[in-house]
Amino acid sequence: LDLVAVKRLQGAKTGALIVFSATAGAIMAGEDAGPLTEYARNLGLAFQIQDDILDVTGDEAETGKRLHKDGDANKATFVSLLGLEGARDKASAIVSKAEAALNVYPASEAAGNLRQLARFVIHRQT
């Protein structure tokens, strides 16, 4: 798989769950879910990139799962396609996009929490 295919695959898995979670309330309230959709797509992608990074750099006791399985299976991941530093840089850039999508809610405390969540996703160790 190339990078586009990996992004598409992850967007249909973890990304889809995060998009639904982030947008369901706005959709049910009849509000514009566009900014939250953009935020959530980026959040899901950043989450998956960090998951790929943790598979290479994580500690099994801390993550609670077997590591290095993607590399052992020669699976196409963000790390295998971009390198470790490239994946970290990509995750950071994607978090910036997620945060920018929330700029329509500048005074909202909830938007601040969502921004913190986006930053947490790429710094998590589990």
N, C-alpha and C. Protein backbone atom coordinates (compact mmCIF):
# COMPACT_ATOMS: atom_id res chain seq x y z
N LEU A 1 0.84 -1.20 0.00
CA LEU A 1 0.00 0.00 0.00
C LEU A 1 0.87 1.24 0.00
N ASP A 2 0.40 2.27 -0.67
CA ASP A 2 1.10 3.55 -0.61
C ASP A 2 0.45 4.42 0.46
N LEU A 3 0.97 5.62 0.66
CA LEU A 3 0.50 6.50 1.72
C LEU A 3 -0.98 6.85 1.56
N VAL A 4 -1.43 7.09 0.36
CA VAL A 4 -2.83 7.42 0.11
C VAL A 4 -3.73 6.26 0.53
N ALA A 5 -3.33 5.05 0.18
CA ALA A 5 -4.13 3.87 0.52
C ALA A 5 -4.16 3.64 2.03
N VAL A 6 -3.03 3.85 2.70
CA VAL A 6 -2.98 3.69 4.16
C VAL A 6 -3.88 4.72 4.82
N LYS A 7 -3.85 5.96 4.35
CA LYS A 7 -4.74 7.00 4.90
C LYS A 7 -6.20 6.62 4.71
N ARG A 8 -6.54 6.15 3.53
CA ARG A 8 -7.92 5.76 3.23
C ARG A 8 -8.36 4.61 4.13
N LEU A 9 -7.50 3.62 4.29
CA LEU A 9 -7.81 2.46 5.13
C LEU A 9 -8.05 2.88 6.58
N GLN A 10 -7.17 3.71 7.11
CA GLN A 10 -7.31 4.14 8.50
C GLN A 10 -8.53 5.05 8.68
N GLY A 11 -8.82 5.85 7.68
CA GLY A 11 -10.00 6.71 7.75
C GLY A 11 -11.30 5.93 7.81
N ALA A 12 -11.28 4.73 7.26
CA ALA A 12 -12.48 3.89 7.26
C ALA A 12 -12.60 3.06 8.53
N LYS A 13 -11.57 3.07 9.35
CA LYS A 13 -11.59 2.29 10.59
C LYS A 13 -11.67 3.25 11.79
N THR A 14 -10.56 3.47 12.43
CA THR A 14 -10.51 4.34 13.60
C THR A 14 -11.07 5.72 13.28
N GLY A 15 -10.70 6.23 12.15
CA GLY A 15 -11.15 7.56 11.75
C GLY A 15 -12.66 7.68 11.68
N ALA A 16 -13.32 6.66 11.16
CA ALA A 16 -14.78 6.70 11.04
C ALA A 16 -15.45 6.71 12.41
N LEU A 17 -14.91 5.97 13.34
CA LEU A 17 -15.46 5.96 14.70
C LEU A 17 -15.30 7.33 15.36
N ILE A 18 -14.16 7.94 15.16
CA ILE A 18 -13.91 9.25 15.77
C ILE A 18 -14.79 10.31 15.11
N VAL A 19 -14.94 10.25 13.79
CA VAL A 19 -15.81 11.23 13.10
C VAL A 19 -17.23 11.11 13.61
N PHE A 20 -17.74 9.90 13.72
CA PHE A 20 -19.10 9.73 14.23
C PHE A 20 -19.23 10.32 15.62
N SER A 21 -18.29 10.01 16.49
CA SER A 21 -18.35 10.49 17.87
C SER A 21 -18.33 12.01 17.94
N ALA A 22 -17.51 12.61 17.10
CA ALA A 22 -17.35 14.07 17.15
C ALA A 22 -18.52 14.82 16.51
N THR A 23 -19.20 14.20 15.58
CA THR A 23 -20.21 14.92 14.81
C THR A 23 -21.66 14.58 15.13
N ALA A 24 -21.89 13.48 15.82
CA ALA A 24 -23.26 13.02 16.04
C ALA A 24 -24.12 14.08 16.73
N GLY A 25 -23.58 14.73 17.74
CA GLY A 25 -24.36 15.74 18.46
C GLY A 25 -24.76 16.90 17.57
N ALA A 26 -23.79 17.40 16.78
CA ALA A 26 -24.09 18.52 15.88
C ALA A 26 -25.12 18.11 14.83
N ILE A 27 -24.99 16.93 14.30
CA ILE A 27 -25.93 16.46 13.28
C ILE A 27 -27.33 16.33 13.87
N MET A 28 -27.44 15.73 15.06
CA MET A 28 -28.76 15.56 15.68
C MET A 28 -29.38 16.90 16.06
N ALA A 29 -28.54 17.89 16.33
CA ALA A 29 -29.04 19.22 16.67
C ALA A 29 -29.33 20.07 15.43
N GLY A 30 -29.05 19.52 14.25
CA GLY A 30 -29.29 20.26 13.02
C GLY A 30 -28.27 21.35 12.77
N GLU A 31 -27.11 21.24 13.37
CA GLU A 31 -26.05 22.24 13.22
C GLU A 31 -25.03 21.78 12.18
N ASP A 32 -24.21 22.69 11.75
CA ASP A 32 -23.17 22.41 10.78
C ASP A 32 -22.08 21.55 11.43
N ALA A 33 -21.91 20.34 10.94
CA ALA A 33 -20.91 19.43 11.49
C ALA A 33 -19.58 19.51 10.73
N GLY A 34 -19.51 20.38 9.74
CA GLY A 34 -18.30 20.47 8.90
C GLY A 34 -17.01 20.67 9.68
N PRO A 35 -16.94 21.68 10.55
CA PRO A 35 -15.68 21.87 11.30
C PRO A 35 -15.33 20.68 12.19
N LEU A 36 -16.33 20.08 12.79
CA LEU A 36 -16.06 18.91 13.64
C LEU A 36 -15.66 17.70 12.81
N THR A 37 -16.20 17.59 11.61
CA THR A 37 -15.81 16.50 10.72
C THR A 37 -14.34 16.64 10.34
N GLU A 38 -13.95 17.84 9.97
CA GLU A 38 -12.54 18.09 9.62
C GLU A 38 -11.63 17.83 10.81
N TYR A 39 -12.02 18.31 11.96
CA TYR A 39 -11.26 18.06 13.19
C TYR A 39 -11.11 16.55 13.43
N ALA A 40 -12.22 15.84 13.38
CA ALA A 40 -12.22 14.41 13.72
C ALA A 40 -11.44 13.58 12.71
N ARG A 41 -11.53 13.92 11.44
CA ARG A 41 -10.74 13.18 10.42
C ARG A 41 -9.26 13.30 10.73
N ASN A 42 -8.84 14.51 11.04
CA ASN A 42 -7.44 14.73 11.35
C ASN A 42 -7.05 14.07 12.68
N LEU A 43 -7.93 14.15 13.66
CA LEU A 43 -7.66 13.51 14.94
C LEU A 43 -7.48 12.00 14.75
N GLY A 44 -8.35 11.37 13.99
CA GLY A 44 -8.26 9.94 13.74
C GLY A 44 -6.97 9.57 13.03
N LEU A 45 -6.56 10.39 12.08
CA LEU A 45 -5.33 10.11 11.36
C LEU A 45 -4.12 10.26 12.29
N ALA A 46 -4.12 11.31 13.10
CA ALA A 46 -3.02 11.50 14.05
C ALA A 46 -2.97 10.36 15.05
N PHE A 47 -4.13 9.90 15.50
CA PHE A 47 -4.20 8.77 16.43
C PHE A 47 -3.55 7.54 15.80
N GLN A 48 -3.87 7.27 14.55
CA GLN A 48 -3.33 6.09 13.89
C GLN A 48 -1.84 6.21 13.65
N ILE A 49 -1.38 7.40 13.30
CA ILE A 49 0.06 7.58 13.11
C ILE A 49 0.79 7.32 14.44
N GLN A 50 0.24 7.84 15.53
CA GLN A 50 0.87 7.60 16.83
C GLN A 50 0.83 6.11 17.18
N ASP A 51 -0.24 5.44 16.81
CA ASP A 51 -0.32 4.00 17.03
C ASP A 51 0.81 3.28 16.28
N ASP A 52 1.06 3.69 15.05
CA ASP A 52 2.15 3.11 14.26
C ASP A 52 3.50 3.43 14.90
N ILE A 53 3.66 4.64 15.41
CA ILE A 53 4.90 5.03 16.09
C ILE A 53 5.10 4.17 17.34
N LEU A 54 4.04 4.01 18.12
CA LEU A 54 4.13 3.21 19.34
C LEU A 54 4.46 1.75 19.04
N ASP A 55 4.02 1.25 17.91
CA ASP A 55 4.34 -0.12 17.55
C ASP A 55 5.85 -0.31 17.39
N VAL A 56 6.55 0.76 17.02
CA VAL A 56 7.99 0.72 16.83
C VAL A 56 8.75 1.12 18.09
N THR A 57 8.24 2.12 18.80
CA THR A 57 9.02 2.72 19.91
C THR A 57 8.46 2.44 21.29
N GLY A 58 7.27 1.89 21.36
CA GLY A 58 6.58 1.75 22.64
C GLY A 58 7.14 0.65 23.53
N ASP A 59 6.62 0.62 24.72
CA ASP A 59 6.96 -0.38 25.72
C ASP A 59 5.72 -1.26 25.89
N GLU A 60 5.88 -2.57 25.73
CA GLU A 60 4.73 -3.47 25.79
C GLU A 60 3.97 -3.37 27.11
N ALA A 61 4.69 -3.21 28.20
CA ALA A 61 4.03 -3.11 29.51
C ALA A 61 3.19 -1.84 29.58
N GLU A 62 3.67 -0.78 28.96
CA GLU A 62 2.94 0.49 29.01
C GLU A 62 1.78 0.52 28.00
N THR A 63 2.02 0.01 26.81
CA THR A 63 0.96 0.05 25.79
C THR A 63 -0.10 -1.01 26.03
N GLY A 64 0.28 -2.08 26.69
CA GLY A 64 -0.67 -3.15 26.95
C GLY A 64 -0.95 -4.04 25.76
N LYS A 65 -0.05 -4.00 24.77
CA LYS A 65 -0.24 -4.86 23.60
C LYS A 65 1.12 -5.26 23.04
N ARG A 66 1.09 -6.32 22.24
CA ARG A 66 2.32 -6.79 21.59
C ARG A 66 2.77 -5.75 20.57
N LEU A 67 4.06 -5.48 20.55
CA LEU A 67 4.60 -4.48 19.64
C LEU A 67 5.40 -5.11 18.51
N HIS A 68 5.76 -4.30 17.55
CA HIS A 68 6.58 -4.67 16.39
C HIS A 68 5.86 -5.65 15.45
N LYS A 69 4.57 -5.83 15.66
CA LYS A 69 3.84 -6.78 14.81
C LYS A 69 3.68 -6.25 13.39
N ASP A 70 3.56 -4.92 13.22
CA ASP A 70 3.40 -4.37 11.88
C ASP A 70 4.67 -4.59 11.05
N GLY A 71 5.82 -4.32 11.64
CA GLY A 71 7.09 -4.53 10.95
C GLY A 71 7.33 -5.99 10.67
N ASP A 72 7.02 -6.84 11.64
CA ASP A 72 7.20 -8.29 11.46
C ASP A 72 6.35 -8.81 10.31
N ALA A 73 5.20 -8.20 10.09
CA ALA A 73 4.29 -8.62 9.03
C ALA A 73 4.52 -7.86 7.72
N ASN A 74 5.56 -7.01 7.70
CA ASN A 74 5.83 -6.16 6.53
C ASN A 74 4.62 -5.34 6.13
N LYS A 75 3.87 -4.90 7.11
CA LYS A 75 2.66 -4.13 6.89
C LYS A 75 3.02 -2.68 6.54
N ALA A 76 2.32 -2.11 5.58
CA ALA A 76 2.52 -0.71 5.24
C ALA A 76 1.92 0.16 6.34
N THR A 77 2.75 0.97 6.96
CA THR A 77 2.31 1.88 8.02
C THR A 77 2.87 3.26 7.74
N PHE A 78 2.46 4.22 8.52
CA PHE A 78 3.00 5.56 8.36
C PHE A 78 4.50 5.57 8.64
N VAL A 79 4.95 4.77 9.61
CA VAL A 79 6.38 4.70 9.93
C VAL A 79 7.14 4.02 8.80
N SER A 80 6.63 2.93 8.27
CA SER A 80 7.35 2.24 7.19
C SER A 80 7.41 3.09 5.92
N LEU A 81 6.41 3.93 5.71
CA LEU A 81 6.37 4.75 4.50
C LEU A 81 7.07 6.09 4.66
N LEU A 82 7.04 6.67 5.87
CA LEU A 82 7.60 8.00 6.08
C LEU A 82 8.86 8.01 6.93
N GLY A 83 9.17 6.88 7.57
CA GLY A 83 10.25 6.86 8.55
C GLY A 83 9.72 7.37 9.88
N LEU A 84 10.44 7.09 10.95
CA LEU A 84 9.97 7.46 12.28
C LEU A 84 9.83 8.98 12.43
N GLU A 85 10.84 9.72 12.07
CA GLU A 85 10.76 11.18 12.21
C GLU A 85 9.74 11.78 11.25
N GLY A 86 9.65 11.23 10.05
CA GLY A 86 8.65 11.70 9.10
C GLY A 86 7.24 11.47 9.62
N ALA A 87 7.02 10.32 10.26
CA ALA A 87 5.70 10.03 10.84
C ALA A 87 5.40 10.99 11.98
N ARG A 88 6.39 11.25 12.81
CA ARG A 88 6.19 12.21 13.92
C ARG A 88 5.86 13.60 13.38
N ASP A 89 6.60 14.03 12.37
CA ASP A 89 6.34 15.34 11.76
C ASP A 89 4.94 15.39 11.15
N LYS A 90 4.56 14.31 10.47
CA LYS A 90 3.23 14.26 9.84
C LYS A 90 2.15 14.33 10.90
N ALA A 91 2.31 13.59 12.00
CA ALA A 91 1.32 13.61 13.07
C ALA A 91 1.18 15.00 13.65
N SER A 92 2.28 15.67 13.86
CA SER A 92 2.24 17.03 14.41
C SER A 92 1.53 17.99 13.46
N ALA A 93 1.82 17.87 12.17
CA ALA A 93 1.16 18.73 11.17
C ALA A 93 -0.34 18.45 11.12
N ILE A 94 -0.72 17.20 11.25
CA ILE A 94 -2.13 16.84 11.21
C ILE A 94 -2.87 17.35 12.44
N VAL A 95 -2.21 17.33 13.59
CA VAL A 95 -2.82 17.89 14.80
C VAL A 95 -3.03 19.39 14.62
N SER A 96 -2.10 20.06 13.97
CA SER A 96 -2.28 21.49 13.69
C SER A 96 -3.50 21.72 12.81
N LYS A 97 -3.72 20.85 11.84
CA LYS A 97 -4.91 20.95 10.99
C LYS A 97 -6.18 20.71 11.80
N ALA A 98 -6.13 19.73 12.70
CA ALA A 98 -7.29 19.45 13.55
C ALA A 98 -7.62 20.67 14.39
N GLU A 99 -6.61 21.25 15.00
CA GLU A 99 -6.83 22.43 15.83
C GLU A 99 -7.36 23.60 15.00
N ALA A 100 -6.83 23.78 13.81
CA ALA A 100 -7.28 24.89 12.95
C ALA A 100 -8.75 24.73 12.57
N ALA A 101 -9.22 23.50 12.44
CA ALA A 101 -10.63 23.27 12.10
C ALA A 101 -11.56 23.79 13.19
N LEU A 102 -11.03 23.93 14.40
CA LEU A 102 -11.84 24.41 15.53
C LEU A 102 -11.83 25.92 15.67
N ASN A 103 -11.15 26.62 14.79
CA ASN A 103 -11.07 28.08 14.90
C ASN A 103 -12.42 28.78 14.79
N VAL A 104 -13.43 28.09 14.30
CA VAL A 104 -14.78 28.67 14.25
C VAL A 104 -15.40 28.73 15.63
N TYR A 105 -14.78 28.07 16.61
CA TYR A 105 -15.25 28.07 17.99
C TYR A 105 -14.20 28.69 18.92
N PRO A 106 -13.70 29.87 18.65
CA PRO A 106 -12.55 30.38 19.40
C PRO A 106 -12.79 30.59 20.89
N ALA A 107 -13.98 30.97 21.28
CA ALA A 107 -14.23 31.28 22.69
C ALA A 107 -14.78 30.09 23.47
N SER A 108 -14.99 28.99 22.80
CA SER A 108 -15.63 27.84 23.43
C SER A 108 -14.67 27.05 24.29
N GLU A 109 -15.07 26.80 25.53
CA GLU A 109 -14.26 25.96 26.41
C GLU A 109 -14.16 24.54 25.85
N ALA A 110 -15.22 24.07 25.23
CA ALA A 110 -15.20 22.74 24.64
C ALA A 110 -14.15 22.65 23.54
N ALA A 111 -14.01 23.71 22.76
CA ALA A 111 -12.99 23.70 21.71
C ALA A 111 -11.60 23.58 22.34
N GLY A 112 -11.40 24.21 23.48
CA GLY A 112 -10.12 24.08 24.18
C GLY A 112 -9.86 22.64 24.59
N ASN A 113 -10.88 21.97 25.07
CA ASN A 113 -10.75 20.56 25.43
C ASN A 113 -10.44 19.70 24.21
N LEU A 114 -11.07 20.02 23.09
CA LEU A 114 -10.81 19.26 21.86
C LEU A 114 -9.40 19.50 21.37
N ARG A 115 -8.91 20.73 21.50
CA ARG A 115 -7.51 21.02 21.13
C ARG A 115 -6.55 20.21 22.01
N GLN A 116 -6.84 20.17 23.30
CA GLN A 116 -5.99 19.38 24.21
C GLN A 116 -6.02 17.90 23.85
N LEU A 117 -7.17 17.41 23.47
CA LEU A 117 -7.29 16.01 23.06
C LEU A 117 -6.41 15.74 21.84
N ALA A 118 -6.43 16.64 20.88
CA ALA A 118 -5.63 16.46 19.68
C ALA A 118 -4.14 16.40 20.03
N ARG A 119 -3.69 17.26 20.92
CA ARG A 119 -2.28 17.25 21.34
C ARG A 119 -1.95 15.96 22.10
N PHE A 120 -2.89 15.54 22.95
CA PHE A 120 -2.68 14.31 23.73
C PHE A 120 -2.47 13.11 22.83
N VAL A 121 -3.24 13.04 21.76
CA VAL A 121 -3.22 11.88 20.87
C VAL A 121 -1.81 11.58 20.37
N ILE A 122 -1.02 12.60 20.08
CA ILE A 122 0.32 12.34 19.54
C ILE A 122 1.39 12.25 20.63
N HIS A 123 1.01 12.45 21.88
CA HIS A 123 1.97 12.32 22.97
C HIS A 123 1.68 11.12 23.85
N ARG A 124 0.59 10.43 23.56
CA ARG A 124 0.21 9.28 24.39
C ARG A 124 1.24 8.17 24.25
N GLN A 125 1.32 7.35 25.28
CA GLN A 125 2.24 6.22 25.30
C GLN A 125 1.50 4.89 25.41
N THR A 126 0.16 4.96 25.36
CA THR A 126 -0.63 3.74 25.44
C THR A 126 -1.59 3.65 24.28
